[in-house]
Amino acid sequence: MRLVFCMSGIGISVWAIVIPYTKIRFQLDDGTLGLVLLAGGSGGVAVMPLAGMAVARWGSRTCIIATTLMMCLLLPALGNAPSPLAFTALLFIYGANFGALDIAMNAQGAVVEEMSGRLHMSGFHACYSLGTLAVALAASLLLKLGSTVPLVCVASAVTVLLGLTQSVRLVPKSGDAPPSGRNFARPNRQALVLGLCCYAAFMTEGATTDWSTIFLRFSRNMAIDSATLGYAAYAVMTTLARLTGDRLAMRFGQPAVMRLGVALGVAGFALAVLVPSGLAGIIGFGLVGFGTGNIVPLVFSAAARVPGMAAHHSMPAVVGIGYAGFLTGPVMIGFVANHFGLGTAFGVDAVLLGLSFFAARSVA
């Protein structure tokens, strides 16, 4: 199961590598690229209800295998798209496929937790983070050695295929939660609360990914090679938080871990924004990663246990709202920054994240 999360991390990391390559290749301006990027997130949001239906019908293991195979086909295609329009269409399909994989692997993770009677979701998401970091480092090395982005895409697809050979170890459909008789179900109050917590966490992830380097470069006057350390600190600390999250949640309870995480995340934003120092900014973004790293795993784990809803209804609802945060968050940050400054924009993010503190009991 950990390998599946690692493979999905590989997939999202390659996506991040292909985006700037495509911008340069087709000479896209920032506005056009922003519209292109909407295709990936929109595909992920659009597929959520269908993904839940697919998991209910065929089981999470079958859906994981199918979507991972599709990802292996799409990765080389993204790196060799013949035109911006073709790339946009492929990105929409890739986003939809990745969204379905996200639902299936988290549903499988929830089954593993239920069968074992222990929390595993933070550890699974740590493997996702490790996959993204491994590909980022490997791709950087390969490109420095003279490789090309399309070859990196192919190598990543082959790596994922090799990992997929271990899919026989996944829990079969008989272990999934029994499906309900309905194809769709309106999210109840707890599902909506969890979804909004997921929205805040995903918005923070998207905002930090897209804007932390820009903040350190232009608001703290750091050189570009040093400014990238803000996101690096965020990514590394997110991984460290997830490696320890399951043990902490088992010992102190999920709500306590979530409240502490939210407090650390808000404190990290405050440090980065209020202290006019590049080093403080790097440490601050690291705190944001360490604080928020376990929020999404805790929310996903709770999403499979929402009272009154089948898991294949509640999980897509919660994850879909979260994806909306990843999609709209960076855009909102850019809009606020354009009128009031990037520091104020991060402050708005911190306030929205802070509201999750009062909803922490929903993850119990």
Protein backbone atom coordinates (compact mmCIF):
# COMPACT_ATOMS: atom_id res chain seq x y z
CA MET A 1 0.00 0.00 0.00
CA ARG A 2 2.84 2.39 0.79
CA LEU A 3 4.23 1.71 -2.68
CA VAL A 4 0.95 2.86 -4.27
CA PHE A 5 1.19 6.22 -2.50
CA CYS A 6 4.82 6.49 -3.54
CA MET A 7 3.84 5.84 -7.17
CA SER A 8 1.20 8.58 -7.02
CA GLY A 9 3.86 10.92 -5.63
CA ILE A 10 6.00 10.11 -8.66
CA GLY A 11 3.07 10.97 -10.91
CA ILE A 12 2.40 14.37 -9.38
CA SER A 13 6.10 15.25 -9.27
CA VAL A 14 6.50 14.55 -12.99
CA TRP A 15 3.45 16.74 -13.60
CA ALA A 16 5.26 19.58 -11.81
CA ILE A 17 8.35 19.03 -13.96
CA VAL A 18 6.41 18.98 -17.23
CA ILE A 19 4.62 22.30 -16.58
CA PRO A 20 7.63 24.69 -16.85
CA TYR A 21 9.03 22.58 -19.71
CA THR A 22 5.78 23.04 -21.62
CA LYS A 23 5.68 26.79 -20.88
CA ILE A 24 9.15 27.19 -22.40
CA ARG A 25 8.50 24.77 -25.25
CA PHE A 26 5.35 26.53 -26.49
CA GLN A 27 6.38 30.02 -25.25
CA LEU A 28 3.23 30.44 -23.17
CA ASP A 29 2.70 33.63 -21.18
CA ASP A 30 1.70 33.45 -17.51
CA GLY A 31 -1.97 34.14 -18.20
CA THR A 32 -2.25 31.39 -20.79
CA LEU A 33 -0.36 28.95 -18.59
CA GLY A 34 -2.74 29.70 -15.72
CA LEU A 35 -5.71 28.79 -17.91
CA VAL A 36 -3.96 25.60 -19.04
CA LEU A 37 -3.29 24.60 -15.44
CA LEU A 38 -6.98 24.94 -14.61
CA ALA A 39 -7.56 21.92 -16.85
CA GLY A 40 -5.71 19.54 -14.52
CA GLY A 41 -7.48 20.63 -11.36
CA SER A 42 -10.85 20.79 -13.10
CA GLY A 43 -10.45 17.21 -14.30
CA GLY A 44 -9.72 16.09 -10.76
CA VAL A 45 -12.78 17.83 -9.31
CA ALA A 46 -15.09 16.66 -12.11
CA VAL A 47 -14.27 12.97 -11.72
CA MET A 48 -14.84 12.68 -7.96
CA PRO A 49 -18.45 11.38 -8.00
CA LEU A 50 -17.64 8.93 -10.80
CA ALA A 51 -14.55 7.73 -8.96
CA GLY A 52 -16.66 6.86 -5.92
CA MET A 53 -19.07 4.91 -8.11
CA ALA A 54 -16.19 3.04 -9.74
CA VAL A 55 -14.69 2.06 -6.37
CA ALA A 56 -18.10 0.84 -5.22
CA ARG A 57 -18.60 -1.26 -8.34
CA TRP A 58 -15.16 -2.70 -9.07
CA GLY A 59 -13.29 -2.27 -5.79
CA SER A 60 -10.40 0.00 -4.84
CA ARG A 61 -7.68 -2.45 -5.94
CA THR A 62 -9.02 -2.72 -9.49
CA CYS A 63 -9.39 1.06 -9.72
CA ILE A 64 -5.83 1.57 -8.46
CA ILE A 65 -4.46 -0.80 -11.11
CA ALA A 66 -6.51 0.77 -13.92
CA THR A 67 -5.69 4.38 -13.07
CA THR A 68 -2.01 3.64 -12.50
CA LEU A 69 -1.75 1.95 -15.91
CA MET A 70 -3.45 4.98 -17.46
CA MET A 71 -1.00 7.27 -15.67
CA CYS A 72 1.89 5.34 -17.20
CA LEU A 73 0.43 5.99 -20.67
CA LEU A 74 -0.28 9.65 -20.02
CA LEU A 75 3.13 10.63 -18.58
CA PRO A 76 5.05 10.17 -21.87
CA ALA A 77 2.14 11.75 -23.76
CA LEU A 78 2.33 14.89 -21.61
CA GLY A 79 6.03 15.23 -22.32
CA ASN A 80 5.47 14.90 -26.08
CA ALA A 81 2.22 16.82 -26.61
CA PRO A 82 2.26 18.31 -30.13
CA SER A 83 0.45 21.56 -29.30
CA PRO A 84 -0.82 23.66 -26.37
CA LEU A 85 -4.38 22.53 -27.08
CA ALA A 86 -3.35 18.87 -27.04
CA PHE A 87 -1.41 19.42 -23.82
CA THR A 88 -4.45 21.07 -22.20
CA ALA A 89 -6.67 18.14 -23.18
CA LEU A 90 -4.10 15.63 -21.91
CA LEU A 91 -3.73 17.58 -18.66
CA PHE A 92 -7.50 17.46 -18.11
CA ILE A 93 -7.49 13.68 -18.63
CA TYR A 94 -4.42 13.32 -16.42
CA GLY A 95 -6.06 15.38 -13.66
CA ALA A 96 -9.23 13.29 -13.87
CA ASN A 97 -7.24 10.06 -13.79
CA PHE A 98 -5.13 11.24 -10.85
CA GLY A 99 -8.26 12.29 -8.97
CA ALA A 100 -9.71 8.80 -9.45
CA LEU A 101 -6.43 7.26 -8.27
CA ASP A 102 -6.49 9.53 -5.23
CA ILE A 103 -9.97 8.32 -4.27
CA ALA A 104 -9.10 4.66 -4.86
CA MET A 105 -5.82 4.62 -2.94
CA ASN A 106 -7.27 6.49 0.04
CA ALA A 107 -10.25 4.12 0.06
CA GLN A 108 -7.80 1.21 0.08
CA GLY A 109 -5.85 2.92 2.88
CA ALA A 110 -9.04 3.25 4.92
CA VAL A 111 -9.69 -0.49 4.46
CA VAL A 112 -6.17 -1.29 5.70
CA GLU A 113 -6.76 0.90 8.77
CA GLU A 114 -10.06 -0.81 9.51
CA MET A 115 -8.59 -4.31 9.11
CA SER A 116 -5.55 -3.57 11.29
CA GLY A 117 -7.32 -1.47 13.92
CA ARG A 118 -4.51 1.09 13.71
CA LEU A 119 -3.91 4.43 11.99
CA HIS A 120 -1.77 4.25 8.84
CA MET A 121 -2.90 7.17 6.69
CA SER A 122 -0.17 9.62 7.72
CA GLY A 123 2.48 7.00 6.95
CA PHE A 124 0.89 6.34 3.56
CA HIS A 125 0.91 10.05 2.74
CA ALA A 126 4.53 10.24 3.90
CA CYS A 127 5.34 7.73 1.15
CA TYR A 128 3.53 10.02 -1.30
CA SER A 129 5.78 12.88 -0.18
CA LEU A 130 8.88 10.69 -0.42
CA GLY A 131 7.89 9.79 -3.98
CA THR A 132 7.67 13.45 -4.97
CA LEU A 133 11.03 14.27 -3.37
CA ALA A 134 12.75 11.26 -4.95
CA VAL A 135 11.59 12.17 -8.45
CA ALA A 136 12.50 15.83 -7.98
CA LEU A 137 16.07 14.86 -7.03
CA ALA A 138 16.39 12.14 -9.69
CA ALA A 139 15.00 14.36 -12.44
CA SER A 140 17.34 17.20 -11.49
CA LEU A 141 20.31 14.82 -11.73
CA LEU A 142 19.19 13.31 -15.04
CA LEU A 143 18.61 16.72 -16.61
CA LYS A 144 22.04 17.92 -15.46
CA LEU A 145 23.55 14.81 -17.08
CA GLY A 146 22.00 15.76 -20.41
CA SER A 147 18.70 13.90 -20.37
CA THR A 148 15.46 15.48 -21.59
CA VAL A 149 12.08 15.99 -19.94
CA PRO A 150 10.33 13.49 -22.29
CA LEU A 151 12.91 10.84 -21.31
CA VAL A 152 12.32 11.64 -17.62
CA CYS A 153 8.60 11.09 -18.25
CA VAL A 154 9.27 7.71 -19.84
CA ALA A 155 11.68 6.65 -17.08
CA SER A 156 9.10 7.63 -14.45
CA ALA A 157 6.38 5.66 -16.22
CA VAL A 158 8.61 2.57 -16.33
CA THR A 159 9.37 2.97 -12.61
CA VAL A 160 5.66 3.15 -11.79
CA LEU A 161 4.99 0.06 -13.93
CA LEU A 162 7.61 -1.88 -11.98
CA GLY A 163 5.98 -0.82 -8.73
CA LEU A 164 2.59 -1.90 -10.03
CA THR A 165 3.79 -5.51 -10.13
CA GLN A 166 3.23 -5.54 -6.36
CA SER A 167 -0.48 -4.73 -6.71
CA VAL A 168 -1.35 -8.37 -5.93
CA ARG A 169 -0.66 -7.49 -2.29
CA LEU A 170 -3.54 -5.01 -2.18
CA VAL A 171 -6.82 -5.85 -0.46
CA PRO A 172 -9.33 -7.27 -3.01
CA LYS A 173 -12.86 -5.98 -3.54
CA SER A 174 -14.24 -8.36 -0.91
CA GLY A 175 -12.42 -6.31 1.73
CA ASP A 176 -13.92 -2.98 0.66
CA ALA A 177 -16.88 -1.48 2.45
CA PRO A 178 -20.16 -2.82 0.99
CA PRO A 179 -21.71 -0.40 -1.53
CA SER A 180 -25.00 1.35 -0.86
CA GLY A 181 -27.85 1.19 -3.35
CA ARG A 182 -27.45 4.83 -4.42
CA ASN A 183 -25.05 6.22 -7.01
CA PHE A 184 -24.97 9.67 -5.43
CA ALA A 185 -25.57 11.02 -1.94
CA ARG A 186 -25.67 14.58 -0.67
CA PRO A 187 -22.83 15.24 1.81
CA ASN A 188 -24.07 15.47 5.39
CA ARG A 189 -22.87 18.03 7.93
CA GLN A 190 -19.79 16.10 9.06
CA ALA A 191 -18.71 15.41 5.48
CA LEU A 192 -19.00 19.11 4.68
CA VAL A 193 -16.96 20.07 7.76
CA LEU A 194 -14.25 17.58 6.82
CA GLY A 195 -14.33 18.84 3.24
CA LEU A 196 -13.82 22.44 4.36
CA CYS A 197 -10.87 21.36 6.55
CA CYS A 198 -9.46 19.57 3.52
CA TYR A 199 -10.08 22.72 1.44
CA ALA A 200 -8.03 24.83 3.86
CA ALA A 201 -5.18 22.29 3.94
CA PHE A 202 -5.08 21.90 0.14
CA MET A 203 -5.29 25.66 -0.32
CA THR A 204 -2.27 26.03 1.96
CA GLU A 205 -0.38 23.37 0.02
CA GLY A 206 -1.14 25.03 -3.31
CA ALA A 207 -0.35 28.51 -2.03
CA THR A 208 2.97 27.45 -0.51
CA THR A 209 3.95 25.47 -3.59
CA ASP A 210 3.20 28.33 -5.99
CA TRP A 211 4.03 31.44 -3.95
CA SER A 212 6.62 30.74 -1.24
CA THR A 213 9.59 31.15 -3.60
CA ILE A 214 8.09 34.34 -5.06
CA PHE A 215 7.53 35.73 -1.55
CA LEU A 216 11.12 35.08 -0.47
CA ARG A 217 12.54 36.38 -3.74
CA PHE A 218 10.62 39.66 -4.00
CA SER A 219 9.43 40.38 -0.45
CA ARG A 220 12.62 39.28 1.34
CA ASN A 221 15.09 40.08 -1.49
CA MET A 222 16.66 36.62 -1.48
CA ALA A 223 18.56 35.25 -4.46
CA ILE A 224 16.47 32.79 -6.46
CA ASP A 225 18.60 29.78 -5.52
CA SER A 226 18.12 30.62 -1.82
CA ALA A 227 14.46 31.56 -2.21
CA THR A 228 13.63 28.02 -3.33
CA LEU A 229 14.64 26.80 0.13
CA GLY A 230 11.27 27.98 1.45
CA TYR A 231 9.38 25.36 -0.54
CA ALA A 232 12.12 22.79 0.11
CA ALA A 233 11.70 23.34 3.87
CA TYR A 234 7.93 23.00 3.49
CA ALA A 235 8.20 19.72 1.55
CA VAL A 236 10.79 18.13 3.85
CA MET A 237 8.95 19.06 7.04
CA THR A 238 5.65 17.83 5.60
CA THR A 239 7.28 14.44 5.03
CA LEU A 240 8.77 14.35 8.54
CA ALA A 241 5.40 15.21 10.07
CA ARG A 242 3.71 12.37 8.21
CA LEU A 243 6.34 9.85 9.22
CA THR A 244 5.48 10.48 12.88
CA GLY A 245 1.79 11.35 12.52
CA ASP A 246 0.24 7.91 13.02
CA ARG A 247 2.10 7.27 16.27
CA LEU A 248 1.22 10.69 17.65
CA ALA A 249 -2.44 10.32 16.69
CA MET A 250 -2.65 6.88 18.29
CA ARG A 251 -1.11 8.22 21.49
CA PHE A 252 -2.75 11.64 21.86
CA GLY A 253 -5.82 11.34 19.64
CA GLN A 254 -6.56 12.67 16.16
CA PRO A 255 -8.22 15.94 17.27
CA ALA A 256 -5.25 16.90 19.45
CA VAL A 257 -2.77 16.26 16.63
CA MET A 258 -4.90 18.30 14.23
CA ARG A 259 -5.23 21.23 16.65
CA LEU A 260 -1.48 21.27 17.25
CA GLY A 261 -0.86 21.07 13.52
CA VAL A 262 -3.16 23.99 12.77
CA ALA A 263 -1.51 26.07 15.51
CA LEU A 264 1.96 25.34 14.11
CA GLY A 265 0.82 26.14 10.58
CA VAL A 266 -0.62 29.50 11.60
CA ALA A 267 2.51 30.26 13.65
CA GLY A 268 4.64 29.43 10.60
CA PHE A 269 2.72 31.87 8.42
CA ALA A 270 3.01 34.53 11.14
CA LEU A 271 6.79 34.03 11.36
CA ALA A 272 7.24 34.20 7.60
CA VAL A 273 5.05 37.28 7.14
CA LEU A 274 5.76 39.36 10.27
CA VAL A 275 9.53 38.89 10.64
CA PRO A 276 11.36 40.70 7.79
CA SER A 277 14.03 38.07 7.34
CA GLY A 278 14.67 35.48 4.66
CA LEU A 279 15.79 32.92 7.22
CA ALA A 280 12.62 33.51 9.24
CA GLY A 281 10.63 32.96 6.05
CA ILE A 282 12.33 29.62 5.38
CA ILE A 283 11.78 28.48 8.97
CA GLY A 284 8.20 29.75 8.81
CA PHE A 285 7.35 27.77 5.68
CA GLY A 286 8.99 24.73 7.26
CA LEU A 287 6.66 25.15 10.26
CA VAL A 288 3.70 25.40 7.90
CA GLY A 289 4.69 22.07 6.36
CA PHE A 290 5.25 20.37 9.70
CA GLY A 291 1.96 21.70 11.04
CA THR A 292 -0.29 20.94 8.08
CA GLY A 293 1.39 17.70 6.97
CA ASN A 294 -0.96 15.48 8.97
CA ILE A 295 -4.20 17.39 8.43
CA VAL A 296 -5.04 15.82 5.07
CA PRO A 297 -4.26 12.22 6.19
CA LEU A 298 -6.38 12.71 9.32
CA VAL A 299 -9.25 14.16 7.29
CA PHE A 300 -9.08 11.40 4.66
CA SER A 301 -9.07 8.73 7.35
CA ALA A 302 -12.11 10.33 9.00
CA ALA A 303 -13.86 10.71 5.62
CA ALA A 304 -14.17 6.93 5.35
CA ARG A 305 -15.96 6.81 8.71
CA VAL A 306 -18.59 9.54 8.31
CA PRO A 307 -21.77 8.36 10.10
CA GLY A 308 -24.74 7.92 7.81
CA MET A 309 -22.74 7.86 4.57
CA ALA A 310 -21.09 5.03 2.66
CA ALA A 311 -17.34 5.49 2.24
CA HIS A 312 -17.61 5.64 -1.58
CA HIS A 313 -19.95 8.64 -1.13
CA SER A 314 -18.22 10.49 1.72
CA MET A 315 -14.65 10.11 0.44
CA PRO A 316 -15.23 11.70 -3.00
CA ALA A 317 -17.25 14.51 -1.40
CA VAL A 318 -14.47 15.39 1.05
CA VAL A 319 -11.62 14.99 -1.44
CA GLY A 320 -13.54 16.91 -4.12
CA ILE A 321 -13.95 19.93 -1.83
CA GLY A 322 -10.25 19.64 -1.00
CA TYR A 323 -9.28 19.62 -4.68
CA ALA A 324 -11.30 22.80 -5.12
CA GLY A 325 -9.03 24.38 -2.52
CA PHE A 326 -5.90 23.31 -4.38
CA LEU A 327 -7.44 24.67 -7.58
CA THR A 328 -8.72 28.03 -6.32
CA GLY A 329 -6.31 28.72 -3.46
CA PRO A 330 -3.29 29.88 -5.49
CA VAL A 331 -5.61 32.00 -7.67
CA MET A 332 -7.09 33.64 -4.57
CA ILE A 333 -3.59 34.25 -3.19
CA GLY A 334 -2.61 35.95 -6.44
CA PHE A 335 -5.73 38.14 -6.47
CA VAL A 336 -5.26 39.32 -2.87
CA ALA A 337 -1.51 39.79 -3.38
CA ASN A 338 -2.14 41.94 -6.44
CA HIS A 339 -4.24 44.37 -4.39
CA PHE A 340 -2.86 44.15 -0.85
CA GLY A 341 0.51 42.38 -1.02
CA LEU A 342 1.64 38.78 -0.74
CA GLY A 343 2.08 39.00 3.03
CA THR A 344 -1.60 39.90 3.43
CA ALA A 345 -2.56 37.05 1.10
CA PHE A 346 -0.68 34.53 3.25
CA GLY A 347 -2.43 36.08 6.26
CA VAL A 348 -5.82 35.31 4.71
CA ASP A 349 -4.68 31.73 4.15
CA ALA A 350 -3.59 31.53 7.80
CA VAL A 351 -6.99 32.74 9.00
CA LEU A 352 -8.85 30.16 6.90
CA LEU A 353 -6.49 27.44 8.07
CA GLY A 354 -6.97 28.57 11.68
CA LEU A 355 -10.71 27.94 11.44
CA SER A 356 -9.92 24.22 11.15
CA PHE A 357 -8.81 24.35 14.80
CA PHE A 358 -12.47 24.58 15.84
CA ALA A 359 -13.45 21.61 13.65
CA ALA A 360 -10.75 19.24 14.88
CA ARG A 361 -13.16 16.97 16.74
CA SER A 362 -14.64 15.94 13.38
CA VAL A 363 -11.57 13.77 12.68
CA ALA A 364 -12.05 11.62 15.82
